[in-house]
């Protein structure tokens, strides 16, 4: 139907390809965090991949209705959502395509979670969340404990 947006039951309908990783011989790395907290505390306030030795990067953030909320081809740009719902947790889909300086390409789709606050009985396993502050660029395969504090909703 003209003018009607398709509903995306992502990741399967949205992701154009299966996830593709960079070869181990490539000196580049990219880590795509799956959580952030735009609460103004200066820690994990926006979302973007953590990387080294990339030549190009394309990113999109899509909501459940298929609307593209953020798109960029700038290496150092990040996304902070408009705070329409300042409480709770909101899930989006992120698509990232990167080319290393050696010319290798990686592509992946992930859910990303925006945490404004946690419901008192939220079944959240902190071990499944990856915040940008957990990535050590000199050892990207080792994740550090996050310094993020997830507050309960009032």
C-alpha atoms as a PDB file:
ATOM      1  CA  UNK A   1       0.000   0.000   0.000  1.00  0.00           C
ATOM      2  CA  UNK A   2       1.435   3.391  -0.920  1.00  0.00           C
ATOM      3  CA  UNK A   3       2.304   5.630   2.011  1.00  0.00           C
ATOM      4  CA  UNK A   4       2.172   2.846   4.595  1.00  0.00           C
ATOM      5  CA  UNK A   5       5.373   1.842   6.351  1.00  0.00           C
ATOM      6  CA  UNK A   6       6.086  -1.874   6.616  1.00  0.00           C
ATOM      7  CA  UNK A   7       6.137  -3.285  10.128  1.00  0.00           C
ATOM      8  CA  UNK A   8       9.503  -4.815  10.958  1.00  0.00           C
ATOM      9  CA  UNK A   9       9.561  -7.784  13.249  1.00  0.00           C
ATOM     10  CA  UNK A  10      13.271  -7.410  13.575  1.00  0.00           C
ATOM     11  CA  UNK A  11      15.914  -8.748  13.578  1.00  0.00           C
ATOM     12  CA  UNK A  12      14.932 -11.203  10.812  1.00  0.00           C
ATOM     13  CA  UNK A  13      12.925  -8.801   8.637  1.00  0.00           C
ATOM     14  CA  UNK A  14      15.231  -5.850   9.130  1.00  0.00           C
ATOM     15  CA  UNK A  15      18.704  -7.314   8.909  1.00  0.00           C
ATOM     16  CA  UNK A  16      19.754  -7.544   5.276  1.00  0.00           C
ATOM     17  CA  UNK A  17      22.443 -10.177   5.918  1.00  0.00           C
ATOM     18  CA  UNK A  18      23.676 -12.516   8.593  1.00  0.00           C
ATOM     19  CA  UNK A  19      26.188 -10.972  10.967  1.00  0.00           C
ATOM     20  CA  UNK A  20      29.653 -10.796   9.395  1.00  0.00           C
ATOM     21  CA  UNK A  21      32.746 -10.260  11.546  1.00  0.00           C
ATOM     22  CA  UNK A  22      36.206  -8.957  10.745  1.00  0.00           C
ATOM     23  CA  UNK A  23      38.889 -11.624  10.222  1.00  0.00           C
ATOM     24  CA  UNK A  24      41.180 -12.221  13.198  1.00  0.00           C
ATOM     25  CA  UNK A  25      44.170 -11.174  11.101  1.00  0.00           C
ATOM     26  CA  UNK A  26      42.748  -7.649  10.721  1.00  0.00           C
ATOM     27  CA  UNK A  27      44.152  -5.116  13.231  1.00  0.00           C
ATOM     28  CA  UNK A  28      40.789  -3.329  13.365  1.00  0.00           C
ATOM     29  CA  UNK A  29      38.138  -4.049  15.947  1.00  0.00           C
ATOM     30  CA  UNK A  30      34.585  -2.931  16.503  1.00  0.00           C
ATOM     31  CA  UNK A  31      32.379  -3.565  19.528  1.00  0.00           C
ATOM     32  CA  UNK A  32      28.700  -2.614  19.362  1.00  0.00           C
ATOM     33  CA  UNK A  33      27.307  -1.886  22.848  1.00  0.00           C
ATOM     34  CA  UNK A  34      23.766  -3.148  23.434  1.00  0.00           C
ATOM     35  CA  UNK A  35      22.828  -0.730  26.222  1.00  0.00           C
ATOM     36  CA  UNK A  36      23.162   2.903  27.223  1.00  0.00           C
ATOM     37  CA  UNK A  37      21.645   5.331  29.705  1.00  0.00           C
ATOM     38  CA  UNK A  38      20.950   8.882  28.438  1.00  0.00           C
ATOM     39  CA  UNK A  39      20.622  10.279  31.952  1.00  0.00           C
ATOM     40  CA  UNK A  40      23.164  13.101  31.742  1.00  0.00           C
ATOM     41  CA  UNK A  41      25.705  11.612  34.163  1.00  0.00           C
ATOM     42  CA  UNK A  42      28.519  11.680  31.572  1.00  0.00           C
ATOM     43  CA  UNK A  43      28.756   7.882  31.373  1.00  0.00           C
ATOM     44  CA  UNK A  44      27.171   5.914  28.512  1.00  0.00           C
ATOM     45  CA  UNK A  45      24.831   8.832  27.728  1.00  0.00           C
ATOM     46  CA  UNK A  46      24.767   8.130  23.988  1.00  0.00           C
ATOM     47  CA  UNK A  47      25.152   5.110  21.732  1.00  0.00           C
ATOM     48  CA  UNK A  48      27.856   4.392  19.190  1.00  0.00           C
ATOM     49  CA  UNK A  49      30.231   1.543  18.475  1.00  0.00           C
ATOM     50  CA  UNK A  50      33.702   1.460  20.025  1.00  0.00           C
ATOM     51  CA  UNK A  51      36.357   0.818  17.398  1.00  0.00           C
ATOM     52  CA  UNK A  52      39.910   1.173  16.142  1.00  0.00           C
ATOM     53  CA  UNK A  53      41.451   1.164  12.635  1.00  0.00           C
ATOM     54  CA  UNK A  54      38.204   1.656  10.712  1.00  0.00           C
ATOM     55  CA  UNK A  55      38.129   3.430   7.372  1.00  0.00           C
ATOM     56  CA  UNK A  56      34.349   3.832   7.249  1.00  0.00           C
ATOM     57  CA  UNK A  57      31.285   3.220   9.380  1.00  0.00           C
ATOM     58  CA  UNK A  58      27.569   3.251   8.603  1.00  0.00           C
ATOM     59  CA  UNK A  59      24.955   3.055  11.366  1.00  0.00           C
ATOM     60  CA  UNK A  60      21.171   3.064  11.610  1.00  0.00           C
ATOM     61  CA  UNK A  61      18.834   2.850  14.600  1.00  0.00           C
ATOM     62  CA  UNK A  62      15.295   1.676  13.846  1.00  0.00           C
ATOM     63  CA  UNK A  63      12.198   1.482  16.025  1.00  0.00           C
ATOM     64  CA  UNK A  64       9.697  -1.394  16.049  1.00  0.00           C
ATOM     65  CA  UNK A  65       7.505   0.364  13.456  1.00  0.00           C
ATOM     66  CA  UNK A  66      10.407   0.462  11.004  1.00  0.00           C
ATOM     67  CA  UNK A  67      11.139   4.172  11.384  1.00  0.00           C
ATOM     68  CA  UNK A  68      14.787   5.124  11.002  1.00  0.00           C
ATOM     69  CA  UNK A  69      15.501   7.258  14.067  1.00  0.00           C
ATOM     70  CA  UNK A  70      19.200   7.767  13.425  1.00  0.00           C
ATOM     71  CA  UNK A  71      21.465   7.244  10.438  1.00  0.00           C
ATOM     72  CA  UNK A  72      25.093   8.264  10.057  1.00  0.00           C
ATOM     73  CA  UNK A  73      28.198   7.534   8.028  1.00  0.00           C
ATOM     74  CA  UNK A  74      30.453   9.587  10.322  1.00  0.00           C
ATOM     75  CA  UNK A  75      33.035   7.680  12.365  1.00  0.00           C
ATOM     76  CA  UNK A  76      32.649   9.709  15.558  1.00  0.00           C
ATOM     77  CA  UNK A  77      28.933  10.480  15.570  1.00  0.00           C
ATOM     78  CA  UNK A  78      26.722   9.050  18.292  1.00  0.00           C
ATOM     79  CA  UNK A  79      22.980   8.769  18.915  1.00  0.00           C
ATOM     80  CA  UNK A  80      21.008  10.013  21.882  1.00  0.00           C
ATOM     81  CA  UNK A  81      17.268   9.476  21.568  1.00  0.00           C
ATOM     82  CA  UNK A  82      14.661  12.146  22.062  1.00  0.00           C
ATOM     83  CA  UNK A  83      13.429  11.568  25.570  1.00  0.00           C
ATOM     84  CA  UNK A  84       9.749  10.918  24.808  1.00  0.00           C
ATOM     85  CA  UNK A  85       9.438   8.278  27.518  1.00  0.00           C
ATOM     86  CA  UNK A  86      11.791   9.193  30.371  1.00  0.00           C
ATOM     87  CA  UNK A  87      11.045   6.074  32.385  1.00  0.00           C
ATOM     88  CA  UNK A  88      11.620   2.431  31.774  1.00  0.00           C
ATOM     89  CA  UNK A  89      13.489   0.547  29.075  1.00  0.00           C
ATOM     90  CA  UNK A  90      13.071   0.968  25.323  1.00  0.00           C
ATOM     91  CA  UNK A  91      14.379  -1.523  22.755  1.00  0.00           C
ATOM     92  CA  UNK A  92      15.556  -0.570  19.269  1.00  0.00           C
ATOM     93  CA  UNK A  93      17.395  -2.325  16.466  1.00  0.00           C
ATOM     94  CA  UNK A  94      20.828  -1.137  15.373  1.00  0.00           C
ATOM     95  CA  UNK A  95      22.459  -1.953  12.047  1.00  0.00           C
ATOM     96  CA  UNK A  96      26.190  -1.325  11.701  1.00  0.00           C
ATOM     97  CA  UNK A  97      28.430  -1.797   8.676  1.00  0.00           C
ATOM     98  CA  UNK A  98      32.139  -1.033   8.979  1.00  0.00           C
ATOM     99  CA  UNK A  99      35.131  -1.275   6.699  1.00  0.00           C
ATOM    100  CA  UNK A 100      38.566  -1.632   8.255  1.00  0.00           C
ATOM    101  CA  UNK A 101      41.559   0.322   6.997  1.00  0.00           C
ATOM    102  CA  UNK A 102      42.693  -3.016   5.490  1.00  0.00           C
ATOM    103  CA  UNK A 103      39.470  -3.159   3.434  1.00  0.00           C
ATOM    104  CA  UNK A 104      37.657  -5.924   5.331  1.00  0.00           C
ATOM    105  CA  UNK A 105      33.926  -5.470   5.930  1.00  0.00           C
ATOM    106  CA  UNK A 106      31.821  -6.393   8.949  1.00  0.00           C
ATOM    107  CA  UNK A 107      28.066  -6.030   9.263  1.00  0.00           C
ATOM    108  CA  UNK A 108      25.703  -6.799  12.101  1.00  0.00           C
ATOM    109  CA  UNK A 109      22.283  -6.145  13.559  1.00  0.00           C
ATOM    110  CA  UNK A 110      21.728  -6.028  17.308  1.00  0.00           C
ATOM    111  CA  UNK A 111      19.039  -5.013  19.715  1.00  0.00           C
ATOM    112  CA  UNK A 112      20.061  -1.999  21.751  1.00  0.00           C
ATOM    113  CA  UNK A 113      18.391  -1.029  24.992  1.00  0.00           C
ATOM    114  CA  UNK A 114      17.923   2.507  26.271  1.00  0.00           C
ATOM    115  CA  UNK A 115      17.692   2.443  30.058  1.00  0.00           C
ATOM    116  CA  UNK A 116      16.016   5.451  31.608  1.00  0.00           C
ATOM    117  CA  UNK A 117      15.342   3.561  34.834  1.00  0.00           C
ATOM    118  CA  UNK A 118      14.484   0.050  35.970  1.00  0.00           C
ATOM    119  CA  UNK A 119      11.085  -1.085  37.133  1.00  0.00           C
ATOM    120  CA  UNK A 120      11.232  -2.494  40.670  1.00  0.00           C
ATOM    121  CA  UNK A 121      10.611  -6.057  39.452  1.00  0.00           C
ATOM    122  CA  UNK A 122      12.452  -5.779  36.125  1.00  0.00           C
ATOM    123  CA  UNK A 123      13.999  -9.109  35.143  1.00  0.00           C
ATOM    124  CA  UNK A 124      17.302  -7.572  34.033  1.00  0.00           C
ATOM    125  CA  UNK A 125      20.461  -9.634  33.988  1.00  0.00           C
ATOM    126  CA  UNK A 126      23.230  -7.024  34.168  1.00  0.00           C
ATOM    127  CA  UNK A 127      25.614  -9.633  32.726  1.00  0.00           C
ATOM    128  CA  UNK A 128      23.783  -9.525  29.376  1.00  0.00           C
ATOM    129  CA  UNK A 129      24.308  -5.769  28.981  1.00  0.00           C
ATOM    130  CA  UNK A 130      27.351  -4.291  27.278  1.00  0.00           C
ATOM    131  CA  UNK A 131      28.011  -0.589  27.852  1.00  0.00           C
ATOM    132  CA  UNK A 132      30.686   1.382  26.002  1.00  0.00           C
ATOM    133  CA  UNK A 133      32.631   1.988  29.225  1.00  0.00           C
ATOM    134  CA  UNK A 134      33.282  -1.768  29.463  1.00  0.00           C
ATOM    135  CA  UNK A 135      35.418  -1.859  26.314  1.00  0.00           C
ATOM    136  CA  UNK A 136      39.166  -1.448  26.751  1.00  0.00           C
ATOM    137  CA  UNK A 137      40.520  -0.353  23.336  1.00  0.00           C
ATOM    138  CA  UNK A 138      43.912  -1.952  23.955  1.00  0.00           C
ATOM    139  CA  UNK A 139      42.215  -5.313  24.738  1.00  0.00           C
ATOM    140  CA  UNK A 140      38.765  -5.232  23.065  1.00  0.00           C
ATOM    141  CA  UNK A 141      38.174  -8.937  23.641  1.00  0.00           C
ATOM    142  CA  UNK A 142      38.142  -8.382  27.424  1.00  0.00           C
ATOM    143  CA  UNK A 143      35.123  -6.582  28.899  1.00  0.00           C
ATOM    144  CA  UNK A 144      35.555  -4.602  32.094  1.00  0.00           C
ATOM    145  CA  UNK A 145      32.884  -4.142  34.774  1.00  0.00           C
ATOM    146  CA  UNK A 146      30.623  -1.202  33.973  1.00  0.00           C
ATOM    147  CA  UNK A 147      30.615   1.869  36.181  1.00  0.00           C
ATOM    148  CA  UNK A 148      26.993   2.529  35.205  1.00  0.00           C
ATOM    149  CA  UNK A 149      24.432   2.763  37.984  1.00  0.00           C
ATOM    150  CA  UNK A 150      20.953   1.629  36.926  1.00  0.00           C
ATOM    151  CA  UNK A 151      18.444   3.476  39.098  1.00  0.00           C
ATOM    152  CA  UNK A 152      14.956   2.209  39.867  1.00  0.00           C
ATOM    153  CA  UNK A 153      11.987   4.137  38.491  1.00  0.00           C
ATOM    154  CA  UNK A 154      10.285   6.408  40.980  1.00  0.00           C
END
